[in-house]
Amino acid sequence: MKRHIRLAAVALCVAPLATGGVAAAAAKQSKKVKVKPTTVYCRTNVSVQVPAGATDIVPPPTQGAEYGPAACGRLGNGVQADTFTVPASGDTLAKFTWYLSTGTVTGTYDLTPQEGTLNFLSVTYTGVLKVTGGTGPFVGLKGTGTMTCSTPDSVHTSCTDKLALISKTGTF
C-alpha cells in the first residue's frame, strides 16, 4: 500500500514537469502565422479642381487637386481626394485619401502615360498604388496594387485599381 502511495506521489510530481516540457517545446516550434492579402478592386472617377482664385484649368495641368466618386468593393463607397504633381519625367505622382462610409484609406500612386496617345489631352496610364494606412476599420491597413486609368481631356480621369491589402485587425 505504501508503495502505491509513493508511486502516485511521484506521478503527481512528474506530470507537471512533463506537460510543461511539452508546452515549452511546442512554443519553440510554433511559427508566426502569415496573413494572406485580400484582393480589392476600386473604381474612381476624379476631376481636376479649379485652383482657388482661378476661373479655369489649362490642360494638361502639372499640379493640382482632384476629387470624385470612389467605389471600392468590400471597403465601401465614398469619394477620392488627392493632390498631384507631374514632374519632368511625365509621371503623375499623387497622395490620395478615400473617404468611405466607415473610415478613410490613405496612400500614394505613380501613373505613367502610355505610348500611342492620339493627342496630349487624351491619355491612358498604368501605374502602381501604395496604401499606407487609414482610420476606423482601416487603421493599420497596408498594401500595394496596380492602376489602369484613362482621360479624354486631361481633366477627368477614370481608374480601375486592383489592390492586395493586409489589415492589422484581419477584417475590413
N, C-alpha and C. Protein backbone atom coordinates (compact mmCIF):
# COMPACT_ATOMS: atom_id res chain seq x y z
N MET A 1 0.82 -1.19 0.00
CA MET A 1 0.00 0.00 0.00
C MET A 1 0.87 1.26 0.00
N LYS A 2 1.96 1.26 0.83
CA LYS A 2 2.85 2.41 0.88
C LYS A 2 3.50 2.62 -0.48
N ARG A 3 3.81 1.50 -1.16
CA ARG A 3 4.46 1.58 -2.47
C ARG A 3 3.53 2.27 -3.49
N HIS A 4 2.24 1.96 -3.46
CA HIS A 4 1.29 2.58 -4.38
C HIS A 4 1.14 4.07 -4.10
N ILE A 5 1.18 4.46 -2.83
CA ILE A 5 1.06 5.86 -2.47
C ILE A 5 2.29 6.61 -2.96
N ARG A 6 3.51 5.99 -2.80
CA ARG A 6 4.73 6.65 -3.26
C ARG A 6 4.72 6.80 -4.78
N LEU A 7 4.27 5.77 -5.52
CA LEU A 7 4.20 5.85 -6.98
C LEU A 7 3.22 6.93 -7.42
N ALA A 8 2.10 7.04 -6.75
CA ALA A 8 1.12 8.07 -7.07
C ALA A 8 1.69 9.46 -6.81
N ALA A 9 2.41 9.62 -5.70
CA ALA A 9 3.01 10.90 -5.36
C ALA A 9 4.07 11.29 -6.39
N VAL A 10 4.89 10.31 -6.81
CA VAL A 10 5.91 10.57 -7.83
C VAL A 10 5.25 10.96 -9.15
N ALA A 11 4.19 10.25 -9.51
CA ALA A 11 3.48 10.53 -10.75
C ALA A 11 2.90 11.94 -10.72
N LEU A 12 2.35 12.38 -9.58
CA LEU A 12 1.78 13.71 -9.47
C LEU A 12 2.86 14.79 -9.56
N CYS A 13 4.06 14.49 -9.07
CA CYS A 13 5.15 15.46 -9.13
C CYS A 13 5.75 15.55 -10.53
N VAL A 14 5.83 14.44 -11.25
CA VAL A 14 6.48 14.38 -12.56
C VAL A 14 5.55 14.88 -13.67
N ALA A 15 4.24 14.70 -13.54
CA ALA A 15 3.29 15.06 -14.58
C ALA A 15 3.38 16.54 -14.98
N PRO A 16 3.42 17.48 -14.02
CA PRO A 16 3.53 18.88 -14.44
C PRO A 16 4.83 19.17 -15.18
N LEU A 17 5.91 18.53 -14.79
CA LEU A 17 7.18 18.74 -15.47
C LEU A 17 7.10 18.24 -16.91
N ALA A 18 6.48 17.09 -17.11
CA ALA A 18 6.38 16.51 -18.45
C ALA A 18 5.50 17.39 -19.34
N THR A 19 4.36 17.83 -18.84
CA THR A 19 3.49 18.64 -19.68
C THR A 19 4.07 20.03 -19.89
N GLY A 20 4.79 20.56 -18.90
CA GLY A 20 5.46 21.85 -19.05
C GLY A 20 6.54 21.76 -20.11
N GLY A 21 7.24 20.68 -20.15
CA GLY A 21 8.28 20.48 -21.16
C GLY A 21 7.69 20.39 -22.55
N VAL A 22 6.56 19.70 -22.68
CA VAL A 22 5.89 19.58 -23.98
C VAL A 22 5.38 20.95 -24.42
N ALA A 23 4.81 21.70 -23.48
CA ALA A 23 4.30 23.03 -23.82
C ALA A 23 5.43 23.95 -24.23
N ALA A 24 6.57 23.88 -23.54
CA ALA A 24 7.71 24.71 -23.88
C ALA A 24 8.24 24.34 -25.26
N ALA A 25 8.31 23.05 -25.56
CA ALA A 25 8.78 22.61 -26.87
C ALA A 25 7.82 23.06 -27.96
N ALA A 26 6.52 22.98 -27.69
CA ALA A 26 5.53 23.41 -28.68
C ALA A 26 5.63 24.91 -28.93
N ALA A 27 5.88 25.68 -27.87
CA ALA A 27 6.01 27.13 -28.02
C ALA A 27 7.21 27.47 -28.88
N LYS A 28 8.31 26.74 -28.73
CA LYS A 28 9.50 27.00 -29.52
C LYS A 28 9.27 26.65 -30.99
N GLN A 29 8.41 25.65 -31.26
CA GLN A 29 8.19 25.20 -32.62
C GLN A 29 7.09 25.98 -33.34
N SER A 30 6.27 26.74 -32.61
CA SER A 30 5.17 27.45 -33.27
C SER A 30 5.74 28.53 -34.19
N LYS A 31 5.15 28.64 -35.36
CA LYS A 31 5.61 29.61 -36.34
C LYS A 31 4.66 30.79 -36.38
N LYS A 32 5.19 31.92 -36.82
CA LYS A 32 4.37 33.10 -36.97
C LYS A 32 3.37 32.84 -38.11
N VAL A 33 2.11 33.12 -37.84
CA VAL A 33 1.06 32.90 -38.83
C VAL A 33 1.18 33.98 -39.91
N LYS A 34 1.26 33.59 -41.17
CA LYS A 34 1.36 34.52 -42.28
C LYS A 34 -0.05 34.87 -42.76
N VAL A 35 -0.34 36.16 -42.78
CA VAL A 35 -1.65 36.63 -43.19
C VAL A 35 -1.64 36.80 -44.71
N LYS A 36 -2.64 36.23 -45.38
CA LYS A 36 -2.75 36.38 -46.82
C LYS A 36 -3.45 37.69 -47.14
N PRO A 37 -2.94 38.41 -48.14
CA PRO A 37 -3.61 39.66 -48.52
C PRO A 37 -4.99 39.40 -49.12
N THR A 38 -5.86 40.37 -48.97
CA THR A 38 -7.20 40.33 -49.54
C THR A 38 -7.19 41.19 -50.81
N THR A 39 -7.72 40.66 -51.90
CA THR A 39 -7.80 41.41 -53.15
C THR A 39 -9.05 42.29 -53.15
N VAL A 40 -8.85 43.57 -53.47
CA VAL A 40 -9.94 44.53 -53.52
C VAL A 40 -9.82 45.32 -54.83
N TYR A 41 -10.94 45.53 -55.49
CA TYR A 41 -10.99 46.33 -56.71
C TYR A 41 -11.69 47.65 -56.42
N CYS A 42 -11.12 48.74 -56.93
CA CYS A 42 -11.72 50.07 -56.78
C CYS A 42 -11.87 50.72 -58.15
N ARG A 43 -12.92 51.51 -58.27
CA ARG A 43 -13.14 52.32 -59.48
C ARG A 43 -13.32 53.76 -59.01
N THR A 44 -12.54 54.65 -59.63
CA THR A 44 -12.63 56.06 -59.28
C THR A 44 -12.85 56.89 -60.54
N ASN A 45 -13.50 58.01 -60.38
CA ASN A 45 -13.73 58.97 -61.46
C ASN A 45 -13.50 60.36 -60.88
N VAL A 46 -12.31 60.88 -61.07
CA VAL A 46 -11.97 62.17 -60.47
C VAL A 46 -11.84 63.25 -61.52
N SER A 47 -11.99 64.49 -61.08
CA SER A 47 -11.83 65.66 -61.94
C SER A 47 -10.87 66.62 -61.26
N VAL A 48 -10.03 67.26 -62.07
CA VAL A 48 -9.13 68.28 -61.55
C VAL A 48 -9.97 69.45 -61.07
N GLN A 49 -9.66 69.94 -59.88
CA GLN A 49 -10.41 71.05 -59.30
C GLN A 49 -9.79 72.39 -59.73
N VAL A 50 -10.63 73.37 -59.98
CA VAL A 50 -10.16 74.70 -60.33
C VAL A 50 -9.48 75.29 -59.09
N PRO A 51 -8.21 75.74 -59.22
CA PRO A 51 -7.50 76.28 -58.06
C PRO A 51 -8.18 77.54 -57.49
N ALA A 52 -7.99 77.76 -56.21
CA ALA A 52 -8.54 78.96 -55.56
C ALA A 52 -8.04 80.20 -56.27
N GLY A 53 -8.93 81.12 -56.55
CA GLY A 53 -8.57 82.37 -57.21
C GLY A 53 -8.54 82.28 -58.73
N ALA A 54 -8.68 81.05 -59.29
CA ALA A 54 -8.68 80.88 -60.74
C ALA A 54 -10.11 80.68 -61.23
N THR A 55 -10.31 80.84 -62.52
CA THR A 55 -11.64 80.64 -63.10
C THR A 55 -11.69 79.46 -64.05
N ASP A 56 -10.50 78.88 -64.36
CA ASP A 56 -10.47 77.74 -65.27
C ASP A 56 -9.21 76.92 -65.06
N ILE A 57 -9.12 75.83 -65.82
CA ILE A 57 -7.95 74.94 -65.80
C ILE A 57 -7.42 74.89 -67.23
N VAL A 58 -6.12 75.07 -67.38
CA VAL A 58 -5.50 74.93 -68.69
C VAL A 58 -4.89 73.54 -68.75
N PRO A 59 -5.48 72.63 -69.57
CA PRO A 59 -4.95 71.27 -69.63
C PRO A 59 -3.69 71.20 -70.51
N PRO A 60 -2.82 70.29 -70.27
CA PRO A 60 -2.81 69.39 -69.12
C PRO A 60 -2.16 70.06 -67.91
N PRO A 61 -2.79 70.00 -66.75
CA PRO A 61 -2.21 70.62 -65.55
C PRO A 61 -0.98 69.85 -65.06
N THR A 62 -0.01 70.57 -64.51
CA THR A 62 1.20 69.93 -63.98
C THR A 62 1.15 69.74 -62.48
N GLN A 63 0.12 70.27 -61.85
CA GLN A 63 -0.10 70.06 -60.43
C GLN A 63 -1.52 70.45 -60.10
N GLY A 64 -2.00 69.96 -58.96
CA GLY A 64 -3.34 70.34 -58.56
C GLY A 64 -3.97 69.36 -57.61
N ALA A 65 -5.29 69.45 -57.54
CA ALA A 65 -6.08 68.58 -56.67
C ALA A 65 -7.20 67.98 -57.50
N GLU A 66 -7.59 66.75 -57.16
CA GLU A 66 -8.68 66.07 -57.84
C GLU A 66 -9.68 65.59 -56.81
N TYR A 67 -10.91 65.39 -57.27
CA TYR A 67 -11.98 64.97 -56.38
C TYR A 67 -13.02 64.23 -57.21
N GLY A 68 -13.59 63.15 -56.64
CA GLY A 68 -14.64 62.44 -57.35
C GLY A 68 -15.03 61.15 -56.65
N PRO A 69 -16.05 60.46 -57.17
CA PRO A 69 -16.55 59.24 -56.53
C PRO A 69 -15.56 58.08 -56.58
N ALA A 70 -15.63 57.24 -55.52
CA ALA A 70 -14.80 56.04 -55.42
C ALA A 70 -15.69 54.88 -54.96
N ALA A 71 -15.60 53.77 -55.65
CA ALA A 71 -16.33 52.55 -55.28
C ALA A 71 -15.29 51.45 -55.08
N CYS A 72 -15.14 51.00 -53.84
CA CYS A 72 -14.05 50.08 -53.51
C CYS A 72 -14.55 48.76 -52.92
N GLY A 73 -15.49 48.11 -53.59
CA GLY A 73 -15.92 46.78 -53.20
C GLY A 73 -16.18 46.64 -51.72
N ARG A 74 -15.49 45.67 -51.10
CA ARG A 74 -15.73 45.38 -49.68
C ARG A 74 -15.28 46.49 -48.74
N LEU A 75 -14.49 47.46 -49.23
CA LEU A 75 -14.11 48.59 -48.39
C LEU A 75 -15.26 49.59 -48.26
N GLY A 76 -16.07 49.70 -49.31
CA GLY A 76 -17.20 50.62 -49.30
C GLY A 76 -17.11 51.65 -50.40
N ASN A 77 -18.07 52.56 -50.38
CA ASN A 77 -18.15 53.63 -51.38
C ASN A 77 -17.96 54.97 -50.71
N GLY A 78 -17.53 55.94 -51.52
CA GLY A 78 -17.33 57.28 -51.00
C GLY A 78 -16.73 58.17 -52.06
N VAL A 79 -15.75 58.97 -51.68
CA VAL A 79 -15.08 59.87 -52.62
C VAL A 79 -13.57 59.78 -52.46
N GLN A 80 -12.89 60.12 -53.55
CA GLN A 80 -11.43 60.23 -53.52
C GLN A 80 -11.06 61.70 -53.60
N ALA A 81 -10.09 62.10 -52.80
CA ALA A 81 -9.48 63.42 -52.89
C ALA A 81 -7.99 63.20 -52.97
N ASP A 82 -7.32 63.88 -53.90
CA ASP A 82 -5.88 63.73 -54.00
C ASP A 82 -5.22 65.03 -54.42
N THR A 83 -3.93 65.11 -54.18
CA THR A 83 -3.10 66.19 -54.71
C THR A 83 -2.03 65.54 -55.56
N PHE A 84 -1.71 66.16 -56.70
CA PHE A 84 -0.77 65.54 -57.63
C PHE A 84 0.21 66.56 -58.20
N THR A 85 1.31 66.03 -58.70
CA THR A 85 2.28 66.80 -59.46
C THR A 85 2.69 65.96 -60.66
N VAL A 86 3.12 66.64 -61.72
CA VAL A 86 3.65 65.96 -62.90
C VAL A 86 5.05 66.54 -63.14
N PRO A 87 6.10 65.85 -62.61
CA PRO A 87 7.46 66.34 -62.81
C PRO A 87 7.91 66.14 -64.26
N ALA A 88 9.16 66.49 -64.55
CA ALA A 88 9.70 66.40 -65.91
C ALA A 88 9.64 64.97 -66.49
N SER A 89 9.59 63.96 -65.63
CA SER A 89 9.51 62.56 -66.09
C SER A 89 8.21 62.29 -66.83
N GLY A 90 7.17 63.11 -66.58
CA GLY A 90 5.87 62.91 -67.21
C GLY A 90 4.92 62.05 -66.40
N ASP A 91 5.42 61.35 -65.36
CA ASP A 91 4.56 60.55 -64.48
C ASP A 91 3.70 61.48 -63.64
N THR A 92 2.54 60.99 -63.24
CA THR A 92 1.70 61.71 -62.30
C THR A 92 1.92 61.09 -60.93
N LEU A 93 2.41 61.89 -59.96
CA LEU A 93 2.68 61.43 -58.60
C LEU A 93 1.64 62.07 -57.68
N ALA A 94 0.99 61.24 -56.87
CA ALA A 94 -0.10 61.78 -56.05
C ALA A 94 -0.16 61.14 -54.67
N LYS A 95 -0.75 61.90 -53.75
CA LYS A 95 -1.14 61.41 -52.43
C LYS A 95 -2.66 61.45 -52.41
N PHE A 96 -3.29 60.34 -52.00
CA PHE A 96 -4.75 60.27 -52.06
C PHE A 96 -5.34 59.88 -50.72
N THR A 97 -6.62 60.19 -50.57
CA THR A 97 -7.44 59.71 -49.45
C THR A 97 -8.78 59.29 -50.02
N TRP A 98 -9.21 58.09 -49.67
CA TRP A 98 -10.58 57.66 -49.98
C TRP A 98 -11.39 57.88 -48.72
N TYR A 99 -12.41 58.71 -48.81
CA TYR A 99 -13.33 58.96 -47.70
C TYR A 99 -14.51 58.02 -47.90
N LEU A 100 -14.48 56.90 -47.19
CA LEU A 100 -15.50 55.86 -47.34
C LEU A 100 -16.51 55.93 -46.20
N SER A 101 -17.58 55.19 -46.30
CA SER A 101 -18.67 55.30 -45.33
C SER A 101 -18.26 54.94 -43.90
N THR A 102 -17.26 54.07 -43.71
CA THR A 102 -16.89 53.67 -42.35
C THR A 102 -15.52 54.17 -41.91
N GLY A 103 -14.77 54.82 -42.79
CA GLY A 103 -13.44 55.30 -42.43
C GLY A 103 -12.71 55.78 -43.67
N THR A 104 -11.42 56.12 -43.50
CA THR A 104 -10.62 56.59 -44.63
C THR A 104 -9.50 55.61 -44.94
N VAL A 105 -9.04 55.65 -46.19
CA VAL A 105 -7.87 54.89 -46.63
C VAL A 105 -6.95 55.90 -47.30
N THR A 106 -5.65 55.88 -46.93
CA THR A 106 -4.70 56.83 -47.49
C THR A 106 -3.56 56.11 -48.19
N GLY A 107 -2.90 56.84 -49.09
CA GLY A 107 -1.77 56.26 -49.79
C GLY A 107 -1.22 57.17 -50.87
N THR A 108 -0.43 56.56 -51.76
CA THR A 108 0.20 57.28 -52.85
C THR A 108 0.04 56.48 -54.14
N TYR A 109 0.20 57.17 -55.26
CA TYR A 109 0.25 56.45 -56.53
C TYR A 109 1.18 57.15 -57.51
N ASP A 110 1.63 56.38 -58.50
CA ASP A 110 2.53 56.85 -59.56
C ASP A 110 1.98 56.32 -60.88
N LEU A 111 1.49 57.22 -61.74
CA LEU A 111 0.92 56.84 -63.03
C LEU A 111 1.87 57.24 -64.16
N THR A 112 2.09 56.31 -65.09
CA THR A 112 2.95 56.54 -66.24
C THR A 112 2.09 56.60 -67.50
N PRO A 113 2.22 57.70 -68.30
CA PRO A 113 1.45 57.77 -69.54
C PRO A 113 1.95 56.70 -70.52
N GLN A 114 1.01 56.14 -71.28
CA GLN A 114 1.35 55.07 -72.22
C GLN A 114 1.57 55.61 -73.63
N GLU A 115 2.41 54.91 -74.37
CA GLU A 115 2.69 55.28 -75.76
C GLU A 115 1.44 55.12 -76.61
N GLY A 116 1.42 55.74 -77.76
CA GLY A 116 0.30 55.58 -78.68
C GLY A 116 -0.84 56.53 -78.43
N THR A 117 -0.63 57.52 -77.60
CA THR A 117 -1.66 58.50 -77.32
C THR A 117 -1.91 59.34 -78.58
N LEU A 118 -3.17 59.57 -78.91
CA LEU A 118 -3.51 60.32 -80.12
C LEU A 118 -3.21 61.81 -80.00
N ASN A 119 -3.43 62.37 -78.82
CA ASN A 119 -3.10 63.78 -78.62
C ASN A 119 -2.70 63.98 -77.16
N PHE A 120 -2.21 65.17 -76.84
CA PHE A 120 -1.70 65.38 -75.50
C PHE A 120 -2.79 65.47 -74.43
N LEU A 121 -4.05 65.59 -74.82
CA LEU A 121 -5.13 65.67 -73.84
C LEU A 121 -5.74 64.31 -73.52
N SER A 122 -5.88 63.43 -74.52
CA SER A 122 -6.45 62.09 -74.32
C SER A 122 -5.31 61.12 -74.05
N VAL A 123 -5.26 60.60 -72.81
CA VAL A 123 -4.12 59.79 -72.38
C VAL A 123 -4.60 58.55 -71.62
N THR A 124 -3.89 57.44 -71.79
CA THR A 124 -4.08 56.26 -70.94
C THR A 124 -2.84 56.12 -70.07
N TYR A 125 -3.04 55.58 -68.87
CA TYR A 125 -1.96 55.45 -67.89
C TYR A 125 -1.99 54.05 -67.29
N THR A 126 -0.83 53.59 -66.86
CA THR A 126 -0.75 52.44 -65.95
C THR A 126 0.14 52.87 -64.80
N GLY A 127 -0.06 52.25 -63.67
CA GLY A 127 0.75 52.67 -62.54
C GLY A 127 0.62 51.77 -61.34
N VAL A 128 1.27 52.21 -60.28
CA VAL A 128 1.27 51.48 -59.02
C VAL A 128 0.68 52.36 -57.93
N LEU A 129 0.06 51.69 -56.98
CA LEU A 129 -0.62 52.36 -55.89
C LEU A 129 -0.13 51.72 -54.59
N LYS A 130 0.09 52.52 -53.58
CA LYS A 130 0.53 52.01 -52.27
C LYS A 130 -0.42 52.54 -51.20
N VAL A 131 -1.03 51.63 -50.45
CA VAL A 131 -1.90 52.00 -49.33
C VAL A 131 -1.02 52.05 -48.07
N THR A 132 -1.07 53.17 -47.36
CA THR A 132 -0.20 53.37 -46.20
C THR A 132 -0.93 53.44 -44.87
N GLY A 133 -2.26 53.45 -44.88
CA GLY A 133 -2.98 53.49 -43.61
C GLY A 133 -4.42 53.89 -43.78
N GLY A 134 -5.04 54.19 -42.64
CA GLY A 134 -6.44 54.59 -42.68
C GLY A 134 -6.97 54.87 -41.29
N THR A 135 -8.28 55.10 -41.23
CA THR A 135 -8.96 55.34 -39.96
C THR A 135 -10.13 54.37 -39.84
N GLY A 136 -10.73 54.32 -38.66
CA GLY A 136 -11.86 53.41 -38.42
C GLY A 136 -11.40 51.97 -38.59
N PRO A 137 -12.15 51.16 -39.33
CA PRO A 137 -11.76 49.76 -39.50
C PRO A 137 -10.52 49.59 -40.38
N PHE A 138 -10.02 50.69 -40.96
CA PHE A 138 -8.86 50.62 -41.85
C PHE A 138 -7.57 51.06 -41.17
N VAL A 139 -7.58 51.23 -39.85
CA VAL A 139 -6.35 51.56 -39.12
C VAL A 139 -5.34 50.44 -39.36
N GLY A 140 -4.13 50.81 -39.73
CA GLY A 140 -3.08 49.82 -39.97
C GLY A 140 -3.16 49.13 -41.31
N LEU A 141 -4.08 49.53 -42.17
CA LEU A 141 -4.23 48.90 -43.48
C LEU A 141 -3.00 49.20 -44.33
N LYS A 142 -2.46 48.18 -44.97
CA LYS A 142 -1.27 48.32 -45.83
C LYS A 142 -1.49 47.51 -47.08
N GLY A 143 -0.81 47.88 -48.15
CA GLY A 143 -0.89 47.09 -49.36
C GLY A 143 -0.39 47.82 -50.58
N THR A 144 -0.39 47.09 -51.68
CA THR A 144 0.04 47.64 -52.95
C THR A 144 -0.94 47.19 -54.03
N GLY A 145 -0.85 47.84 -55.17
CA GLY A 145 -1.73 47.46 -56.26
C GLY A 145 -1.32 48.08 -57.57
N THR A 146 -2.13 47.79 -58.58
CA THR A 146 -1.90 48.33 -59.91
C THR A 146 -3.09 49.19 -60.29
N MET A 147 -2.83 50.14 -61.20
CA MET A 147 -3.87 51.06 -61.66
C MET A 147 -3.87 51.08 -63.18
N THR A 148 -5.05 51.19 -63.75
CA THR A 148 -5.22 51.42 -65.18
C THR A 148 -6.18 52.59 -65.29
N CYS A 149 -5.73 53.66 -65.94
CA CYS A 149 -6.53 54.88 -65.99
C CYS A 149 -6.60 55.44 -67.41
N SER A 150 -7.60 56.27 -67.63
CA SER A 150 -7.70 56.97 -68.91
C SER A 150 -8.38 58.31 -68.68
N THR A 151 -8.03 59.26 -69.55
CA THR A 151 -8.65 60.58 -69.52
C THR A 151 -8.88 61.03 -70.96
N PRO A 152 -10.07 61.53 -71.25
CA PRO A 152 -10.32 62.03 -72.60
C PRO A 152 -9.84 63.46 -72.82
N ASP A 153 -9.58 64.18 -71.69
CA ASP A 153 -9.31 65.62 -71.80
C ASP A 153 -8.27 66.15 -70.81
N SER A 154 -7.57 65.28 -70.08
CA SER A 154 -6.58 65.64 -69.05
C SER A 154 -7.18 66.39 -67.86
N VAL A 155 -8.50 66.38 -67.74
CA VAL A 155 -9.18 66.99 -66.60
C VAL A 155 -10.00 65.95 -65.84
N HIS A 156 -10.66 65.05 -66.57
CA HIS A 156 -11.49 63.99 -65.99
C HIS A 156 -10.78 62.66 -66.19
N THR A 157 -10.55 61.92 -65.09
CA THR A 157 -9.80 60.66 -65.16
C THR A 157 -10.58 59.54 -64.50
N SER A 158 -10.68 58.40 -65.19
CA SER A 158 -11.31 57.19 -64.65
C SER A 158 -10.25 56.13 -64.45
N CYS A 159 -10.27 55.48 -63.29
CA CYS A 159 -9.27 54.45 -62.96
C CYS A 159 -9.92 53.19 -62.42
N THR A 160 -9.27 52.08 -62.68
CA THR A 160 -9.60 50.81 -62.04
C THR A 160 -8.35 50.36 -61.32
N ASP A 161 -8.49 50.06 -60.03
CA ASP A 161 -7.37 49.65 -59.19
C ASP A 161 -7.57 48.22 -58.73
N LYS A 162 -6.49 47.45 -58.71
CA LYS A 162 -6.51 46.11 -58.13
C LYS A 162 -5.49 46.12 -57.00
N LEU A 163 -5.98 45.90 -55.78
CA LEU A 163 -5.14 46.01 -54.59
C LEU A 163 -5.02 44.68 -53.84
N ALA A 164 -3.87 44.47 -53.25
CA ALA A 164 -3.65 43.36 -52.31
C ALA A 164 -3.44 44.01 -50.95
N LEU A 165 -4.42 43.87 -50.05
CA LEU A 165 -4.40 44.60 -48.78
C LEU A 165 -4.30 43.64 -47.58
N ILE A 166 -3.57 44.11 -46.57
CA ILE A 166 -3.45 43.37 -45.31
C ILE A 166 -3.85 44.33 -44.19
N SER A 167 -4.74 43.85 -43.34
CA SER A 167 -5.24 44.65 -42.22
C SER A 167 -4.66 44.14 -40.91
N LYS A 168 -4.29 45.07 -40.02
CA LYS A 168 -3.80 44.67 -38.69
C LYS A 168 -4.87 43.92 -37.91
N THR A 169 -6.13 44.31 -38.12
CA THR A 169 -7.22 43.69 -37.38
C THR A 169 -7.70 42.42 -38.05
N GLY A 170 -7.30 42.20 -39.30
CA GLY A 170 -7.71 41.00 -40.01
C GLY A 170 -9.06 41.12 -40.70
N THR A 171 -9.75 42.23 -40.47
CA THR A 171 -11.05 42.42 -41.11
C THR A 171 -11.16 43.83 -41.65
N PHE A 172 -11.96 43.99 -42.64
CA PHE A 172 -12.34 45.31 -43.16
C PHE A 172 -13.52 45.16 -44.07
